[in-house]
Amino acid sequence: MTESRARMWRYPAHTRGRRHLDPDQEEVFVPLRGTLTMVLGEPWERVDVEPGGVVVVHPGTPLQMRNETDEEILVFVYGAPTRHGNAEFLEDVESI
């Protein structure tokens, strides 16, 4: 893949990724197992996504992937274009 990238992410129970925004990349999140919680926007909004659901995040939108459940989750993430190192990391949302 030269113009996009894809990854599988496993999040153990009660873990979260870093809150950030990417000024260039549009991303698609598809939970395959478990309920994905996304923290989106500023001010932030909580969005829970069941397996097979889809969340599209536009460039410049603050986001954070979280697992608020007692089970591991598996999430497919696809993004384009492929730009690395330009994400802006934001203050974490401690309690949602």
PDB file of N, CA and C in Angstrom:
ATOM      1  N   MET A   1       0.849  -1.178   0.000  1.00  0.00           N
ATOM      2  CA  MET A   1       0.000   0.000   0.000  1.00  0.00           C
ATOM      3  C   MET A   1       0.894   1.240   0.000  1.00  0.00           C
ATOM      4  N   THR A   2       0.767   2.051  -1.022  1.00  0.00           N
ATOM      5  CA  THR A   2       1.611   3.236  -1.121  1.00  0.00           C
ATOM      6  C   THR A   2       0.875   4.528  -0.796  1.00  0.00           C
ATOM      7  N   GLU A   3      -0.441   4.551  -0.906  1.00  0.00           N
ATOM      8  CA  GLU A   3      -1.221   5.760  -0.653  1.00  0.00           C
ATOM      9  C   GLU A   3      -2.121   5.652   0.574  1.00  0.00           C
ATOM     10  N   SER A   4      -2.045   4.519   1.271  1.00  0.00           N
ATOM     11  CA  SER A   4      -2.863   4.323   2.469  1.00  0.00           C
ATOM     12  C   SER A   4      -2.151   3.330   3.372  1.00  0.00           C
ATOM     13  N   ARG A   5      -2.714   3.110   4.551  1.00  0.00           N
ATOM     14  CA  ARG A   5      -2.157   2.106   5.464  1.00  0.00           C
ATOM     15  C   ARG A   5      -3.286   1.484   6.265  1.00  0.00           C
ATOM     16  N   ALA A   6      -3.046   0.262   6.701  1.00  0.00           N
ATOM     17  CA  ALA A   6      -4.044  -0.469   7.479  1.00  0.00           C
ATOM     18  C   ALA A   6      -3.336  -1.229   8.589  1.00  0.00           C
ATOM     19  N   ARG A   7      -4.016  -1.350   9.723  1.00  0.00           N
ATOM     20  CA  ARG A   7      -3.464  -2.079  10.871  1.00  0.00           C
ATOM     21  C   ARG A   7      -4.584  -2.746  11.638  1.00  0.00           C
ATOM     22  N   MET A   8      -4.202  -3.767  12.375  1.00  0.00           N
ATOM     23  CA  MET A   8      -5.095  -4.398  13.339  1.00  0.00           C
ATOM     24  C   MET A   8      -4.580  -4.005  14.715  1.00  0.00           C
ATOM     25  N   TRP A   9      -5.470  -3.553  15.568  1.00  0.00           N
ATOM     26  CA  TRP A   9      -5.104  -3.161  16.925  1.00  0.00           C
ATOM     27  C   TRP A   9      -5.848  -4.045  17.920  1.00  0.00           C
ATOM     28  N   ARG A  10      -5.123  -4.559  18.899  1.00  0.00           N
ATOM     29  CA  ARG A  10      -5.710  -5.272  20.031  1.00  0.00           C
ATOM     30  C   ARG A  10      -5.575  -4.384  21.254  1.00  0.00           C
ATOM     31  N   TYR A  11      -6.674  -4.179  21.939  1.00  0.00           N
ATOM     32  CA  TYR A  11      -6.658  -3.388  23.165  1.00  0.00           C
ATOM     33  C   TYR A  11      -7.147  -4.280  24.308  1.00  0.00           C
ATOM     34  N   PRO A  12      -6.289  -4.558  25.291  1.00  0.00           N
ATOM     35  CA  PRO A  12      -6.746  -5.313  26.459  1.00  0.00           C
ATOM     36  C   PRO A  12      -7.855  -4.541  27.194  1.00  0.00           C
ATOM     37  N   ALA A  13      -8.508  -5.208  28.094  1.00  0.00           N
ATOM     38  CA  ALA A  13      -9.586  -4.582  28.873  1.00  0.00           C
ATOM     39  C   ALA A  13      -9.087  -3.298  29.530  1.00  0.00           C
ATOM     40  N   HIS A  14      -9.908  -2.270  29.490  1.00  0.00           N
ATOM     41  CA  HIS A  14      -9.681  -1.001  30.188  1.00  0.00           C
ATOM     42  C   HIS A  14      -8.364  -0.339  29.804  1.00  0.00           C
ATOM     43  N   THR A  15      -8.075  -0.291  28.503  1.00  0.00           N
ATOM     44  CA  THR A  15      -6.881   0.414  28.022  1.00  0.00           C
ATOM     45  C   THR A  15      -7.299   1.448  26.991  1.00  0.00           C
ATOM     46  N   ARG A  16      -6.364   2.326  26.656  1.00  0.00           N
ATOM     47  CA  ARG A  16      -6.668   3.385  25.694  1.00  0.00           C
ATOM     48  C   ARG A  16      -5.410   3.800  24.952  1.00  0.00           C
ATOM     49  N   GLY A  17      -5.628   4.292  23.747  1.00  0.00           N
ATOM     50  CA  GLY A  17      -4.543   4.857  22.967  1.00  0.00           C
ATOM     51  C   GLY A  17      -4.342   6.313  23.337  1.00  0.00           C
ATOM     52  N   ARG A  18      -3.370   6.927  22.691  1.00  0.00           N
ATOM     53  CA  ARG A  18      -3.102   8.344  22.948  1.00  0.00           C
ATOM     54  C   ARG A  18      -4.089   9.216  22.181  1.00  0.00           C
ATOM     55  N   ARG A  19      -4.579  10.237  22.835  1.00  0.00           N
ATOM     56  CA  ARG A  19      -5.475  11.192  22.184  1.00  0.00           C
ATOM     57  C   ARG A  19      -4.626  12.074  21.269  1.00  0.00           C
ATOM     58  N   HIS A  20      -5.085  12.226  20.033  1.00  0.00           N
ATOM     59  CA  HIS A  20      -4.305  12.972  19.056  1.00  0.00           C
ATOM     60  C   HIS A  20      -5.202  13.456  17.926  1.00  0.00           C
ATOM     61  N   LEU A  21      -4.617  14.261  17.073  1.00  0.00           N
ATOM     62  CA  LEU A  21      -5.271  14.601  15.811  1.00  0.00           C
ATOM     63  C   LEU A  21      -4.226  14.521  14.715  1.00  0.00           C
ATOM     64  N   ASP A  22      -4.671  14.111  13.567  1.00  0.00           N
ATOM     65  CA  ASP A  22      -3.803  14.032  12.397  1.00  0.00           C
ATOM     66  C   ASP A  22      -4.319  15.058  11.394  1.00  0.00           C
ATOM     67  N   PRO A  23      -3.495  16.046  11.031  1.00  0.00           N
ATOM     68  CA  PRO A  23      -3.978  17.105  10.152  1.00  0.00           C
ATOM     69  C   PRO A  23      -4.217  16.672   8.711  1.00  0.00           C
ATOM     70  N   ASP A  24      -3.658  15.522   8.313  1.00  0.00           N
ATOM     71  CA  ASP A  24      -3.721  15.116   6.910  1.00  0.00           C
ATOM     72  C   ASP A  24      -4.491  13.834   6.647  1.00  0.00           C
ATOM     73  N   GLN A  25      -4.565  12.956   7.625  1.00  0.00           N
ATOM     74  CA  GLN A  25      -5.056  11.604   7.367  1.00  0.00           C
ATOM     75  C   GLN A  25      -6.522  11.422   7.771  1.00  0.00           C
ATOM     76  N   GLU A  26      -7.294  10.837   6.858  1.00  0.00           N
ATOM     77  CA  GLU A  26      -8.644  10.376   7.161  1.00  0.00           C
ATOM     78  C   GLU A  26      -8.523   8.918   7.587  1.00  0.00           C
ATOM     79  N   GLU A  27      -9.233   8.528   8.654  1.00  0.00           N
ATOM     80  CA  GLU A  27      -9.122   7.168   9.169  1.00  0.00           C
ATOM     81  C   GLU A  27     -10.490   6.523   9.309  1.00  0.00           C
ATOM     82  N   VAL A  28     -10.508   5.201   9.120  1.00  0.00           N
ATOM     83  CA  VAL A  28     -11.714   4.393   9.259  1.00  0.00           C
ATOM     84  C   VAL A  28     -11.434   3.328  10.313  1.00  0.00           C
ATOM     85  N   PHE A  29     -12.329   3.204  11.290  1.00  0.00           N
ATOM     86  CA  PHE A  29     -12.194   2.259  12.390  1.00  0.00           C
ATOM     87  C   PHE A  29     -13.351   1.263  12.341  1.00  0.00           C
ATOM     88  N   VAL A  30     -13.017  -0.034  12.358  1.00  0.00           N
ATOM     89  CA  VAL A  30     -14.026  -1.087  12.310  1.00  0.00           C
ATOM     90  C   VAL A  30     -13.715  -2.103  13.415  1.00  0.00           C
ATOM     91  N   PRO A  31     -14.493  -2.104  14.503  1.00  0.00           N
ATOM     92  CA  PRO A  31     -14.270  -3.133  15.517  1.00  0.00           C
ATOM     93  C   PRO A  31     -14.703  -4.502  14.997  1.00  0.00           C
ATOM     94  N   LEU A  32     -13.825  -5.480  15.148  1.00  0.00           N
ATOM     95  CA  LEU A  32     -14.122  -6.839  14.708  1.00  0.00           C
ATOM     96  C   LEU A  32     -14.572  -7.720  15.866  1.00  0.00           C
ATOM     97  N   ARG A  33     -14.054  -7.410  17.060  1.00  0.00           N
ATOM     98  CA  ARG A  33     -14.433  -8.153  18.270  1.00  0.00           C
ATOM     99  C   ARG A  33     -14.470  -7.169  19.430  1.00  0.00           C
ATOM    100  N   GLY A  34     -15.582  -7.125  20.129  1.00  0.00           N
ATOM    101  CA  GLY A  34     -15.727  -6.232  21.277  1.00  0.00           C
ATOM    102  C   GLY A  34     -16.237  -4.862  20.874  1.00  0.00           C
ATOM    103  N   THR A  35     -16.555  -4.064  21.883  1.00  0.00           N
ATOM    104  CA  THR A  35     -17.092  -2.722  21.670  1.00  0.00           C
ATOM    105  C   THR A  35     -15.979  -1.695  21.771  1.00  0.00           C
ATOM    106  N   LEU A  36     -15.752  -0.972  20.686  1.00  0.00           N
ATOM    107  CA  LEU A  36     -14.769   0.106  20.636  1.00  0.00           C
ATOM    108  C   LEU A  36     -15.424   1.386  21.131  1.00  0.00           C
ATOM    109  N   THR A  37     -14.736   2.094  22.008  1.00  0.00           N
ATOM    110  CA  THR A  37     -15.160   3.428  22.414  1.00  0.00           C
ATOM    111  C   THR A  37     -14.215   4.428  21.786  1.00  0.00           C
ATOM    112  N   MET A  38     -14.787   5.403  21.078  1.00  0.00           N
ATOM    113  CA  MET A  38     -14.008   6.486  20.488  1.00  0.00           C
ATOM    114  C   MET A  38     -14.350   7.773  21.216  1.00  0.00           C
ATOM    115  N   VAL A  39     -13.340   8.577  21.498  1.00  0.00           N
ATOM    116  CA  VAL A  39     -13.525   9.933  22.010  1.00  0.00           C
ATOM    117  C   VAL A  39     -13.181  10.842  20.842  1.00  0.00           C
ATOM    118  N   LEU A  40     -14.187  11.572  20.337  1.00  0.00           N
ATOM    119  CA  LEU A  40     -14.042  12.334  19.088  1.00  0.00           C
ATOM    120  C   LEU A  40     -14.344  13.807  19.291  1.00  0.00           C
ATOM    121  N   GLY A  41     -13.569  14.649  18.620  1.00  0.00           N
ATOM    122  CA  GLY A  41     -13.867  16.075  18.542  1.00  0.00           C
ATOM    123  C   GLY A  41     -13.383  16.882  19.725  1.00  0.00           C
ATOM    124  N   GLU A  42     -13.659  18.187  19.628  1.00  0.00           N
ATOM    125  CA  GLU A  42     -13.327  19.157  20.670  1.00  0.00           C
ATOM    126  C   GLU A  42     -14.412  20.212  20.672  1.00  0.00           C
ATOM    127  N   PRO A  43     -15.308  20.284  21.660  1.00  0.00           N
ATOM    128  CA  PRO A  43     -15.307  19.408  22.844  1.00  0.00           C
ATOM    129  C   PRO A  43     -15.583  17.959  22.432  1.00  0.00           C
ATOM    130  N   TRP A  44     -15.108  17.037  23.244  1.00  0.00           N
ATOM    131  CA  TRP A  44     -15.165  15.628  22.881  1.00  0.00           C
ATOM    132  C   TRP A  44     -16.554  15.037  23.081  1.00  0.00           C
ATOM    133  N   GLU A  45     -16.787  13.990  22.295  1.00  0.00           N
ATOM    134  CA  GLU A  45     -18.027  13.210  22.366  1.00  0.00           C
ATOM    135  C   GLU A  45     -17.645  11.732  22.404  1.00  0.00           C
ATOM    136  N   ARG A  46     -18.314  10.971  23.251  1.00  0.00           N
ATOM    137  CA  ARG A  46     -18.084   9.531  23.331  1.00  0.00           C
ATOM    138  C   ARG A  46     -18.964   8.831  22.299  1.00  0.00           C
ATOM    139  N   VAL A  47     -18.344   7.907  21.528  1.00  0.00           N
ATOM    140  CA  VAL A  47     -19.066   7.112  20.544  1.00  0.00           C
ATOM    141  C   VAL A  47     -18.687   5.652  20.770  1.00  0.00           C
ATOM    142  N   ASP A  48     -19.669   4.801  21.075  1.00  0.00           N
ATOM    143  CA  ASP A  48     -19.447   3.365  21.245  1.00  0.00           C
ATOM    144  C   ASP A  48     -19.851   2.659  19.961  1.00  0.00           C
ATOM    145  N   VAL A  49     -18.956   1.761  19.498  1.00  0.00           N
ATOM    146  CA  VAL A  49     -19.176   1.100  18.210  1.00  0.00           C
ATOM    147  C   VAL A  49     -19.084  -0.411  18.408  1.00  0.00           C
ATOM    148  N   GLU A  50     -20.135  -1.106  18.035  1.00  0.00           N
ATOM    149  CA  GLU A  50     -20.194  -2.565  18.134  1.00  0.00           C
ATOM    150  C   GLU A  50     -19.476  -3.206  16.955  1.00  0.00           C
ATOM    151  N   PRO A  51     -19.141  -4.490  17.044  1.00  0.00           N
ATOM    152  CA  PRO A  51     -18.492  -5.187  15.932  1.00  0.00           C
ATOM    153  C   PRO A  51     -19.288  -5.021  14.628  1.00  0.00           C
ATOM    154  N   GLY A  52     -18.546  -4.716  13.560  1.00  0.00           N
ATOM    155  CA  GLY A  52     -19.165  -4.505  12.256  1.00  0.00           C
ATOM    156  C   GLY A  52     -19.577  -3.073  11.995  1.00  0.00           C
ATOM    157  N   GLY A  53     -19.623  -2.239  13.043  1.00  0.00           N
ATOM    158  CA  GLY A  53     -19.905  -0.820  12.859  1.00  0.00           C
ATOM    159  C   GLY A  53     -18.682  -0.123  12.296  1.00  0.00           C
ATOM    160  N   VAL A  54     -18.866   1.102  11.845  1.00  0.00           N
ATOM    161  CA  VAL A  54     -17.782   1.857  11.219  1.00  0.00           C
ATOM    162  C   VAL A  54     -17.785   3.283  11.758  1.00  0.00           C
ATOM    163  N   VAL A  55     -16.582   3.795  12.049  1.00  0.00           N
ATOM    164  CA  VAL A  55     -16.405   5.205  12.405  1.00  0.00           C
ATOM    165  C   VAL A  55     -15.419   5.796  11.412  1.00  0.00           C
ATOM    166  N   VAL A  56     -15.792   6.897  10.773  1.00  0.00           N
ATOM    167  CA  VAL A  56     -14.899   7.622   9.875  1.00  0.00           C
ATOM    168  C   VAL A  56     -14.490   8.908  10.573  1.00  0.00           C
ATOM    169  N   VAL A  57     -13.184   9.142  10.654  1.00  0.00           N
ATOM    170  CA  VAL A  57     -12.658  10.340  11.308  1.00  0.00           C
ATOM    171  C   VAL A  57     -11.944  11.177  10.256  1.00  0.00           C
ATOM    172  N   HIS A  58     -12.421  12.410  10.080  1.00  0.00           N
ATOM    173  CA  HIS A  58     -11.869  13.313   9.077  1.00  0.00           C
ATOM    174  C   HIS A  58     -10.560  13.935   9.561  1.00  0.00           C
ATOM    175  N   PRO A  59      -9.697  14.349   8.646  1.00  0.00           N
ATOM    176  CA  PRO A  59      -8.439  14.996   9.028  1.00  0.00           C
ATOM    177  C   PRO A  59      -8.692  16.174   9.970  1.00  0.00           C
ATOM    178  N   GLY A  60      -7.810  16.318  10.960  1.00  0.00           N
ATOM    179  CA  GLY A  60      -7.908  17.430  11.905  1.00  0.00           C
ATOM    180  C   GLY A  60      -8.869  17.209  13.055  1.00  0.00           C
ATOM    181  N   THR A  61      -9.512  16.047  13.136  1.00  0.00           N
ATOM    182  CA  THR A  61     -10.456  15.749  14.213  1.00  0.00           C
ATOM    183  C   THR A  61      -9.730  15.054  15.356  1.00  0.00           C
ATOM    184  N   PRO A  62      -9.774  15.616  16.575  1.00  0.00           N
ATOM    185  CA  PRO A  62      -9.174  14.923  17.715  1.00  0.00           C
ATOM    186  C   PRO A  62      -9.854  13.575  17.930  1.00  0.00           C
ATOM    187  N   LEU A  63      -9.033  12.547  18.252  1.00  0.00           N
ATOM    188  CA  LEU A  63      -9.589  11.215  18.458  1.00  0.00           C
ATOM    189  C   LEU A  63      -8.777  10.442  19.486  1.00  0.00           C
ATOM    190  N   GLN A  64      -9.441   9.481  20.090  1.00  0.00           N
ATOM    191  CA  GLN A  64      -8.788   8.529  20.990  1.00  0.00           C
ATOM    192  C   GLN A  64      -9.565   7.225  20.942  1.00  0.00           C
ATOM    193  N   MET A  65      -8.840   6.118  20.713  1.00  0.00           N
ATOM    194  CA  MET A  65      -9.443   4.783  20.790  1.00  0.00           C
ATOM    195  C   MET A  65      -9.332   4.306  22.228  1.00  0.00           C
ATOM    196  N   ARG A  66     -10.419   3.666  22.708  1.00  0.00           N
ATOM    197  CA  ARG A  66     -10.440   3.171  24.081  1.00  0.00           C
ATOM    198  C   ARG A  66     -11.183   1.843  24.141  1.00  0.00           C
ATOM    199  N   ASN A  67     -10.794   1.043  25.119  1.00  0.00           N
ATOM    200  CA  ASN A  67     -11.551  -0.162  25.459  1.00  0.00           C
ATOM    201  C   ASN A  67     -12.057   0.030  26.883  1.00  0.00           C
ATOM    202  N   GLU A  68     -13.317   0.310  27.017  1.00  0.00           N
ATOM    203  CA  GLU A  68     -13.930   0.540  28.317  1.00  0.00           C
ATOM    204  C   GLU A  68     -14.565  -0.732  28.871  1.00  0.00           C
ATOM    205  N   THR A  69     -14.320  -1.879  28.238  1.00  0.00           N
ATOM    206  CA  THR A  69     -14.966  -3.133  28.628  1.00  0.00           C
ATOM    207  C   THR A  69     -14.007  -4.025  29.422  1.00  0.00           C
ATOM    208  N   ASP A  70     -14.523  -5.160  29.862  1.00  0.00           N
ATOM    209  CA  ASP A  70     -13.741  -6.139  30.616  1.00  0.00           C
ATOM    210  C   ASP A  70     -13.087  -7.188  29.720  1.00  0.00           C
ATOM    211  N   GLU A  71     -13.263  -7.085  28.403  1.00  0.00           N
ATOM    212  CA  GLU A  71     -12.723  -8.053  27.446  1.00  0.00           C
ATOM    213  C   GLU A  71     -11.800  -7.362  26.449  1.00  0.00           C
ATOM    214  N   GLU A  72     -10.869  -8.115  25.860  1.00  0.00           N
ATOM    215  CA  GLU A  72     -10.014  -7.578  24.805  1.00  0.00           C
ATOM    216  C   GLU A  72     -10.870  -7.224  23.590  1.00  0.00           C
ATOM    217  N   ILE A  73     -10.490  -6.163  22.878  1.00  0.00           N
ATOM    218  CA  ILE A  73     -11.152  -5.824  21.622  1.00  0.00           C
ATOM    219  C   ILE A  73     -10.129  -5.908  20.486  1.00  0.00           C
ATOM    220  N   LEU A  74     -10.635  -6.119  19.273  1.00  0.00           N
ATOM    221  CA  LEU A  74      -9.818  -6.172  18.069  1.00  0.00           C
ATOM    222  C   LEU A  74     -10.426  -5.191  17.076  1.00  0.00           C
ATOM    223  N   VAL A  75      -9.589  -4.270  16.550  1.00  0.00           N
ATOM    224  CA  VAL A  75     -10.083  -3.196  15.689  1.00  0.00           C
ATOM    225  C   VAL A  75      -9.225  -3.120  14.429  1.00  0.00           C
ATOM    226  N   PHE A  76      -9.893  -3.044  13.269  1.00  0.00           N
ATOM    227  CA  PHE A  76      -9.223  -2.798  11.997  1.00  0.00           C
ATOM    228  C   PHE A  76      -9.254  -1.294  11.749  1.00  0.00           C
ATOM    229  N   VAL A  77      -8.069  -0.714  11.436  1.00  0.00           N
ATOM    230  CA  VAL A  77      -7.970   0.727  11.184  1.00  0.00           C
ATOM    231  C   VAL A  77      -7.316   0.934   9.823  1.00  0.00           C
ATOM    232  N   TYR A  78      -7.950   1.761   9.001  1.00  0.00           N
ATOM    233  CA  TYR A  78      -7.463   2.072   7.659  1.00  0.00           C
ATOM    234  C   TYR A  78      -7.331   3.589   7.542  1.00  0.00           C
ATOM    235  N   GLY A  79      -6.207   4.074   7.028  1.00  0.00           N
ATOM    236  CA  GLY A  79      -6.012   5.512   6.887  1.00  0.00           C
ATOM    237  C   GLY A  79      -5.365   5.884   5.574  1.00  0.00           C
ATOM    238  N   ALA A  80      -5.674   7.098   5.110  1.00  0.00           N
ATOM    239  CA  ALA A  80      -5.060   7.624   3.884  1.00  0.00           C
ATOM    240  C   ALA A  80      -5.080   9.149   3.961  1.00  0.00           C
ATOM    241  N   PRO A  81      -4.115   9.834   3.391  1.00  0.00           N
ATOM    242  CA  PRO A  81      -2.890   9.309   2.795  1.00  0.00           C
ATOM    243  C   PRO A  81      -1.894   8.892   3.869  1.00  0.00           C
ATOM    244  N   THR A  82      -0.827   8.241   3.465  1.00  0.00           N
ATOM    245  CA  THR A  82       0.192   7.789   4.414  1.00  0.00           C
ATOM    246  C   THR A  82       1.137   8.936   4.740  1.00  0.00           C
ATOM    247  N   ARG A  83       0.935   9.526   5.880  1.00  0.00           N
ATOM    248  CA  ARG A  83       1.840  10.560   6.386  1.00  0.00           C
ATOM    249  C   ARG A  83       2.224  10.127   7.796  1.00  0.00           C
ATOM    250  N   HIS A  84       3.488  10.236   8.127  1.00  0.00           N
ATOM    251  CA  HIS A  84       3.964   9.811   9.443  1.00  0.00           C
ATOM    252  C   HIS A  84       4.625  10.976  10.164  1.00  0.00           C
ATOM    253  N   GLY A  85       4.466  11.005  11.474  1.00  0.00           N
ATOM    254  CA  GLY A  85       5.200  11.960  12.289  1.00  0.00           C
ATOM    255  C   GLY A  85       4.607  13.340  12.384  1.00  0.00           C
ATOM    256  N   ASN A  86       3.416  13.575  11.857  1.00  0.00           N
ATOM    257  CA  ASN A  86       2.845  14.915  11.934  1.00  0.00           C
ATOM    258  C   ASN A  86       1.607  14.988  12.833  1.00  0.00           C
ATOM    259  N   ALA A  87       1.326  13.909  13.574  1.00  0.00           N
ATOM    260  CA  ALA A  87       0.188  13.928  14.493  1.00  0.00           C
ATOM    261  C   ALA A  87       0.482  14.861  15.662  1.00  0.00           C
ATOM    262  N   GLU A  88      -0.542  15.535  16.116  1.00  0.00           N
ATOM    263  CA  GLU A  88      -0.437  16.392  17.300  1.00  0.00           C
ATOM    264  C   GLU A  88      -1.059  15.641  18.471  1.00  0.00           C
ATOM    265  N   PHE A  89      -0.273  15.401  19.522  1.00  0.00           N
ATOM    266  CA  PHE A  89      -0.776  14.684  20.677  1.00  0.00           C
ATOM    267  C   PHE A  89      -1.432  15.661  21.636  1.00  0.00           C
ATOM    268  N   LEU A  90      -2.582  15.256  22.176  1.00  0.00           N
ATOM    269  CA  LEU A  90      -3.426  16.112  22.998  1.00  0.00           C
ATOM    270  C   LEU A  90      -3.528  15.584  24.416  1.00  0.00           C
ATOM    271  N   GLU A  91      -4.017  16.436  25.303  1.00  0.00           N
ATOM    272  CA  GLU A  91      -4.236  16.027  26.679  1.00  0.00           C
ATOM    273  C   GLU A  91      -5.277  14.906  26.721  1.00  0.00           C
ATOM    274  N   ASP A  92      -5.003  13.897  27.522  1.00  0.00           N
ATOM    275  CA  ASP A  92      -5.877  12.736  27.623  1.00  0.00           C
ATOM    276  C   ASP A  92      -7.205  13.096  28.294  1.00  0.00           C
ATOM    277  N   VAL A  93      -8.256  12.398  27.915  1.00  0.00           N
ATOM    278  CA  VAL A  93      -9.545  12.490  28.586  1.00  0.00           C
ATOM    279  C   VAL A  93      -9.542  11.387  29.645  1.00  0.00           C
ATOM    280  N   GLU A  94      -9.432  11.766  30.903  1.00  0.00           N
ATOM    281  CA  GLU A  94      -9.276  10.766  31.964  1.00  0.00           C
ATOM    282  C   GLU A  94     -10.551   9.970  32.221  1.00  0.00           C
ATOM    283  N   SER A  95     -11.647  10.666  32.366  1.00  0.00           N
ATOM    284  CA  SER A  95     -12.897   9.996  32.732  1.00  0.00           C
ATOM    285  C   SER A  95     -13.972  10.341  31.726  1.00  0.00           C
ATOM    286  N   ILE A  96     -14.598   9.296  31.183  1.00  0.00           N
ATOM    287  CA  ILE A  96     -15.665   9.571  30.221  1.00  0.00           C
ATOM    288  C   ILE A  96     -16.936   8.968  30.771  1.00  0.00           C
TER     289      ILE A  96
END
